[in-house]
């Protein structure tokens, strides 16, 4: 039996399954608001923050890596989005992000967004994650840390799910970002067919993006690229990387082709490895180099 079919069960059964999934996914975060120091050295400080986010009906948690600055010395900011199943702590532990932020003199903000795909979910409560990332998060960051204001000093990048989120948000809101980067971006997420083998992932994808393909176009990176104002998109500095053996290599290469065909300049890096930290750690120094050059 084929495992990838549009509607392998009657719609009423799917509706019941989706309803149960939604009920299990509608709990708002239950953390306490506040900020605490994770690490401080002569060169950098890391702060973990929880703040009330109206867009998700609860508290949003993030880590900020802030190079030590002189009084009155603001820095550019890069919002770095984690992959599905990951989080700020994993990114900090498994990469050289602290050293890269310190060397590049960039404040790095890593929000904890669960498996949200950084999207305003179609069928989940307390899950307007696009609004949380583009509105709520920058307001809090800019009120706490010495951030240079303006799109020319603000970038967004991510890994896998976060790579999709970074590309999508930059395409939808190019007026907000001077730099956009993706490493192994899940750029096909809105086009993946339903699967009985991966029923949980299918239901989760439907809960975020909608059941029918037509409802997903507003979140599809290729549709957004077709609809984008080329002048605004060309003003963003783009960076893409992917491992040669990554299952997502083909869709990332396709996005690079379509961007290039529109006369948009970008850095395209092919790394060794699969969909893993070997690939991402190979690309991350180049991403920070590009971000540092674009955001100053």
Protein backbone atom coordinates (compact mmCIF):
# COMPACT_ATOMS: atom_id res chain seq x y z
CA UNK A 1 0.00 0.00 0.00
CA UNK A 2 1.29 3.45 -0.87
CA UNK A 3 2.16 5.46 2.24
CA UNK A 4 1.74 8.88 0.64
CA UNK A 5 -1.80 9.57 -0.52
CA UNK A 6 -3.85 12.76 -0.28
CA UNK A 7 -6.73 11.38 1.81
CA UNK A 8 -6.17 7.71 2.73
CA UNK A 9 -9.08 7.70 5.22
CA UNK A 10 -12.62 9.08 4.91
CA UNK A 11 -12.69 12.76 5.74
CA UNK A 12 -14.89 12.25 8.82
CA UNK A 13 -12.24 10.00 10.36
CA UNK A 14 -9.52 12.49 9.52
CA UNK A 15 -11.62 15.23 11.12
CA UNK A 16 -11.89 13.24 14.36
CA UNK A 17 -8.15 12.59 14.41
CA UNK A 18 -7.37 16.24 13.74
CA UNK A 19 -9.74 17.36 16.51
CA UNK A 20 -8.02 15.08 19.00
CA UNK A 21 -4.62 16.34 17.86
CA UNK A 22 -5.69 19.96 18.23
CA UNK A 23 -6.96 19.37 21.76
CA UNK A 24 -3.61 17.88 22.72
CA UNK A 25 -1.75 20.83 21.17
CA UNK A 26 -3.66 23.85 22.48
CA UNK A 27 -1.97 24.30 25.82
CA UNK A 28 -0.29 27.68 26.24
CA UNK A 29 3.25 27.84 27.70
CA UNK A 30 3.39 27.75 31.52
CA UNK A 31 6.75 29.34 32.35
CA UNK A 32 7.41 32.30 34.64
CA UNK A 33 8.33 35.68 33.18
CA UNK A 34 11.79 37.06 33.88
CA UNK A 35 15.43 37.01 32.81
CA UNK A 36 18.39 35.04 34.14
CA UNK A 37 22.07 34.92 33.31
CA UNK A 38 23.23 31.68 31.68
CA UNK A 39 26.88 32.60 31.14
CA UNK A 40 29.13 35.63 31.39
CA UNK A 41 32.77 36.09 30.44
CA UNK A 42 35.01 39.03 29.64
CA UNK A 43 33.88 38.78 26.01
CA UNK A 44 30.20 37.81 26.07
CA UNK A 45 27.08 37.34 28.17
CA UNK A 46 24.20 34.94 27.60
CA UNK A 47 20.79 35.72 29.04
CA UNK A 48 17.67 33.57 29.05
CA UNK A 49 14.44 35.55 28.91
CA UNK A 50 10.76 34.64 29.28
CA UNK A 51 8.27 37.38 28.44
CA UNK A 52 4.51 37.56 27.80
CA UNK A 53 3.69 37.19 24.12
CA UNK A 54 0.11 38.08 23.16
CA UNK A 55 0.52 36.20 19.88
CA UNK A 56 0.92 32.82 21.59
CA UNK A 57 -1.23 33.54 24.62
CA UNK A 58 1.59 32.87 27.07
CA UNK A 59 5.31 33.27 27.64
CA UNK A 60 7.91 33.15 24.90
CA UNK A 61 11.41 32.00 25.89
CA UNK A 62 14.62 33.00 24.14
CA UNK A 63 18.37 33.17 24.68
CA UNK A 64 20.38 36.26 23.78
CA UNK A 65 24.12 36.05 23.13
CA UNK A 66 25.48 39.57 23.61
CA UNK A 67 29.14 40.45 22.99
CA UNK A 68 30.47 42.82 25.63
CA UNK A 69 30.13 46.42 24.45
CA UNK A 70 31.20 49.85 25.58
CA UNK A 71 28.48 52.18 26.89
CA UNK A 72 26.52 53.59 23.96
CA UNK A 73 27.78 50.94 21.53
CA UNK A 74 24.78 49.14 19.98
CA UNK A 75 25.25 46.08 17.78
CA UNK A 76 23.41 44.40 14.87
CA UNK A 77 21.08 41.53 15.73
CA UNK A 78 20.61 38.13 14.11
CA UNK A 79 17.52 36.09 14.97
CA UNK A 80 18.64 32.46 14.75
CA UNK A 81 15.77 29.94 14.48
CA UNK A 82 16.18 26.33 15.60
CA UNK A 83 14.98 23.18 13.86
CA UNK A 84 12.11 20.87 14.76
CA UNK A 85 12.90 19.04 17.97
CA UNK A 86 15.74 21.43 18.76
CA UNK A 87 16.02 24.61 20.78
CA UNK A 88 18.34 27.41 21.89
CA UNK A 89 20.25 25.22 24.34
CA UNK A 90 21.01 22.59 21.68
CA UNK A 91 22.21 25.24 19.22
CA UNK A 92 24.47 26.72 21.89
CA UNK A 93 25.87 23.33 22.92
CA UNK A 94 26.38 21.77 19.48
CA UNK A 95 27.79 24.71 17.54
CA UNK A 96 30.32 27.53 17.84
CA UNK A 97 27.56 30.14 17.89
CA UNK A 98 28.96 31.91 20.98
CA UNK A 99 32.39 32.37 19.44
CA UNK A 100 30.92 33.30 16.04
CA UNK A 101 28.65 35.95 17.59
CA UNK A 102 31.55 37.36 19.60
CA UNK A 103 33.90 37.51 16.63
CA UNK A 104 31.29 38.99 14.29
CA UNK A 105 30.14 41.49 16.95
CA UNK A 106 26.50 40.49 16.44
CA UNK A 107 23.82 39.98 19.08
CA UNK A 108 22.28 36.56 18.45
CA UNK A 109 18.73 35.93 19.62
CA UNK A 110 17.50 32.32 19.67
CA UNK A 111 13.75 31.93 20.38
CA UNK A 112 12.25 28.64 21.55
CA UNK A 113 9.37 27.99 19.15
CA UNK A 114 8.75 24.27 19.57
CA UNK A 115 7.57 22.65 16.32
CA UNK A 116 5.70 25.75 15.17
CA UNK A 117 7.38 26.28 11.78
CA UNK A 118 7.32 29.95 12.79
CA UNK A 119 3.83 30.19 11.33
CA UNK A 120 0.45 31.51 12.41
CA UNK A 121 -1.22 28.10 12.71
CA UNK A 122 -4.46 27.63 10.82
CA UNK A 123 -6.05 25.28 13.37
CA UNK A 124 -4.27 25.72 16.71
CA UNK A 125 -4.99 28.15 19.52
CA UNK A 126 -2.17 30.15 21.12
CA UNK A 127 -0.02 29.57 18.06
CA UNK A 128 0.44 32.78 16.08
CA UNK A 129 4.16 32.17 15.88
CA UNK A 130 4.87 34.38 12.86
CA UNK A 131 3.43 37.35 14.75
CA UNK A 132 5.40 36.37 17.86
CA UNK A 133 8.70 36.32 15.96
CA UNK A 134 8.24 39.48 13.87
CA UNK A 135 6.39 41.66 16.40
CA UNK A 136 6.55 40.49 20.03
CA UNK A 137 10.12 39.20 20.08
CA UNK A 138 11.90 42.26 18.59
CA UNK A 139 10.00 44.59 20.92
CA UNK A 140 11.27 42.71 23.95
CA UNK A 141 14.81 42.29 22.61
CA UNK A 142 15.13 45.97 21.72
CA UNK A 143 13.90 46.99 25.18
CA UNK A 144 16.56 44.88 26.98
CA UNK A 145 19.70 44.79 24.84
CA UNK A 146 21.89 47.33 22.96
CA UNK A 147 20.49 46.60 19.51
CA UNK A 148 21.02 48.77 16.44
CA UNK A 149 17.59 49.65 15.07
CA UNK A 150 16.47 49.39 11.44
CA UNK A 151 16.22 46.57 8.90
CA UNK A 152 19.77 47.20 7.69
CA UNK A 153 21.01 45.99 11.09
CA UNK A 154 18.53 43.11 11.57
CA UNK A 155 18.93 39.61 10.13
CA UNK A 156 17.14 36.29 10.37
CA UNK A 157 18.52 32.79 9.78
CA UNK A 158 17.74 29.23 10.75
CA UNK A 159 18.36 25.51 10.58
CA UNK A 160 15.96 23.04 8.90
CA UNK A 161 12.50 24.08 10.20
CA UNK A 162 14.12 27.36 11.23
CA UNK A 163 15.65 27.72 7.76
CA UNK A 164 12.17 27.48 6.27
CA UNK A 165 10.96 30.02 8.83
CA UNK A 166 13.76 32.47 8.04
CA UNK A 167 13.20 32.31 4.28
CA UNK A 168 9.43 32.56 4.60
CA UNK A 169 9.53 35.51 7.00
CA UNK A 170 12.07 37.38 4.89
CA UNK A 171 9.96 36.85 1.76
CA UNK A 172 6.80 38.01 3.52
CA UNK A 173 8.46 40.89 5.40
CA UNK A 174 11.54 42.06 3.46
CA UNK A 175 11.10 45.50 5.00
CA UNK A 176 12.15 44.00 8.35
CA UNK A 177 15.39 42.21 7.43
CA UNK A 178 18.61 43.16 5.69
CA UNK A 179 19.92 39.58 5.80
CA UNK A 180 18.25 36.16 5.52
CA UNK A 181 20.00 32.80 5.79
CA UNK A 182 19.00 29.15 5.77
CA UNK A 183 20.94 25.97 6.46
CA UNK A 184 19.20 22.82 5.16
CA UNK A 185 15.90 24.67 5.06
CA UNK A 186 12.71 22.57 5.02
CA UNK A 187 11.52 24.60 2.05
CA UNK A 188 9.10 21.90 0.86
CA UNK A 189 7.10 21.59 4.09
CA UNK A 190 3.90 23.08 2.66
CA UNK A 191 4.00 20.65 -0.29
CA UNK A 192 4.58 17.36 1.48
CA UNK A 193 1.82 14.76 0.90
CA UNK A 194 -0.08 13.04 3.67
CA UNK A 195 1.44 9.81 4.99
CA UNK A 196 -0.02 6.99 7.05
CA UNK A 197 3.46 5.98 8.15
CA UNK A 198 4.02 9.45 9.58
CA UNK A 199 0.49 10.14 10.72
CA UNK A 200 1.54 12.32 13.65
CA UNK A 201 3.68 14.55 11.42
CA UNK A 202 0.92 14.73 8.82
CA UNK A 203 -1.65 15.86 11.40
CA UNK A 204 0.80 18.37 12.84
CA UNK A 205 1.49 19.81 9.38
CA UNK A 206 -2.24 20.06 8.66
CA UNK A 207 -2.85 21.77 12.00
CA UNK A 208 -0.32 24.47 11.12
CA UNK A 209 -0.78 24.93 7.38
CA UNK A 210 -4.27 23.58 6.69
CA UNK A 211 -5.48 20.33 5.13
CA UNK A 212 -5.95 21.32 1.51
CA UNK A 213 -3.01 22.46 -0.66
CA UNK A 214 -4.79 25.67 -1.62
CA UNK A 215 -4.82 26.86 1.98
CA UNK A 216 -1.04 26.52 2.24
CA UNK A 217 -0.03 28.88 -0.57
CA UNK A 218 0.27 31.86 1.74
CA UNK A 219 3.07 30.01 3.59
CA UNK A 220 4.77 28.37 0.59
CA UNK A 221 8.20 29.86 -0.17
CA UNK A 222 7.95 29.31 -3.93
CA UNK A 223 4.53 30.97 -4.12
CA UNK A 224 5.79 33.84 -1.97
CA UNK A 225 8.81 34.24 -4.25
CA UNK A 226 6.50 34.45 -7.29
CA UNK A 227 4.36 37.10 -5.61
CA UNK A 228 7.19 39.13 -4.08
CA UNK A 229 8.21 42.63 -5.05
CA UNK A 230 11.60 42.09 -6.67
CA UNK A 231 12.89 45.46 -5.53
CA UNK A 232 12.32 44.61 -1.88
CA UNK A 233 13.61 41.04 -2.18
CA UNK A 234 16.76 42.20 -3.95
CA UNK A 235 17.53 44.51 -1.04
CA UNK A 236 17.90 41.47 1.25
CA UNK A 237 21.28 39.73 1.40
CA UNK A 238 20.56 36.00 0.95
CA UNK A 239 22.58 33.00 2.18
CA UNK A 240 21.72 29.33 1.60
CA UNK A 241 23.59 26.14 2.45
CA UNK A 242 22.83 22.44 2.34
CA UNK A 243 24.71 19.16 2.61
CA UNK A 244 25.28 17.22 -0.59
CA UNK A 245 23.71 14.11 0.94
CA UNK A 246 20.83 15.95 2.63
CA UNK A 247 17.34 14.76 1.58
CA UNK A 248 16.45 18.46 1.32
CA UNK A 249 19.27 19.25 -1.10
CA UNK A 250 17.06 19.12 -4.21
CA UNK A 251 14.46 21.58 -2.91
CA UNK A 252 17.16 23.97 -1.65
CA UNK A 253 18.93 23.82 -5.02
CA UNK A 254 15.60 24.52 -6.74
CA UNK A 255 15.05 27.60 -4.58
CA UNK A 256 18.56 28.83 -5.43
CA UNK A 257 17.82 28.42 -9.15
CA UNK A 258 14.54 30.29 -8.95
CA UNK A 259 16.05 33.11 -6.92
CA UNK A 260 18.99 33.40 -9.33
CA UNK A 261 16.66 33.43 -12.36
CA UNK A 262 15.07 36.58 -10.93
CA UNK A 263 18.41 38.34 -10.80
CA UNK A 264 18.69 38.15 -7.01
CA UNK A 265 22.22 37.71 -5.72
CA UNK A 266 22.86 35.14 -3.02
CA UNK A 267 25.58 33.04 -1.41
CA UNK A 268 25.00 29.32 -2.06
CA UNK A 269 27.22 26.94 -0.10
CA UNK A 270 27.31 23.16 -0.50
CA UNK A 271 28.69 21.33 2.52
CA UNK A 272 29.69 17.74 3.25
CA UNK A 273 27.32 15.71 5.38
CA UNK A 274 23.63 14.98 5.65
CA UNK A 275 20.87 16.77 7.54
CA UNK A 276 23.06 17.07 10.58
CA UNK A 277 25.35 19.23 12.69
CA UNK A 278 28.36 18.31 10.56
CA UNK A 279 26.78 20.19 7.69
CA UNK A 280 25.46 23.07 9.80
CA UNK A 281 28.75 23.61 11.64
CA UNK A 282 30.55 23.71 8.30
CA UNK A 283 28.19 26.39 7.02
CA UNK A 284 27.70 28.49 10.16
CA UNK A 285 31.03 30.42 10.05
CA UNK A 286 30.26 31.42 6.46
CA UNK A 287 26.74 32.44 7.43
CA UNK A 288 28.05 34.67 10.23
CA UNK A 289 30.65 36.17 7.91
CA UNK A 290 27.92 37.04 5.40
CA UNK A 291 25.61 38.36 8.13
CA UNK A 292 28.35 40.49 9.64
CA UNK A 293 29.14 42.05 6.27
CA UNK A 294 25.46 42.68 5.48
CA UNK A 295 24.29 44.09 8.78
CA UNK A 296 26.95 46.70 9.58
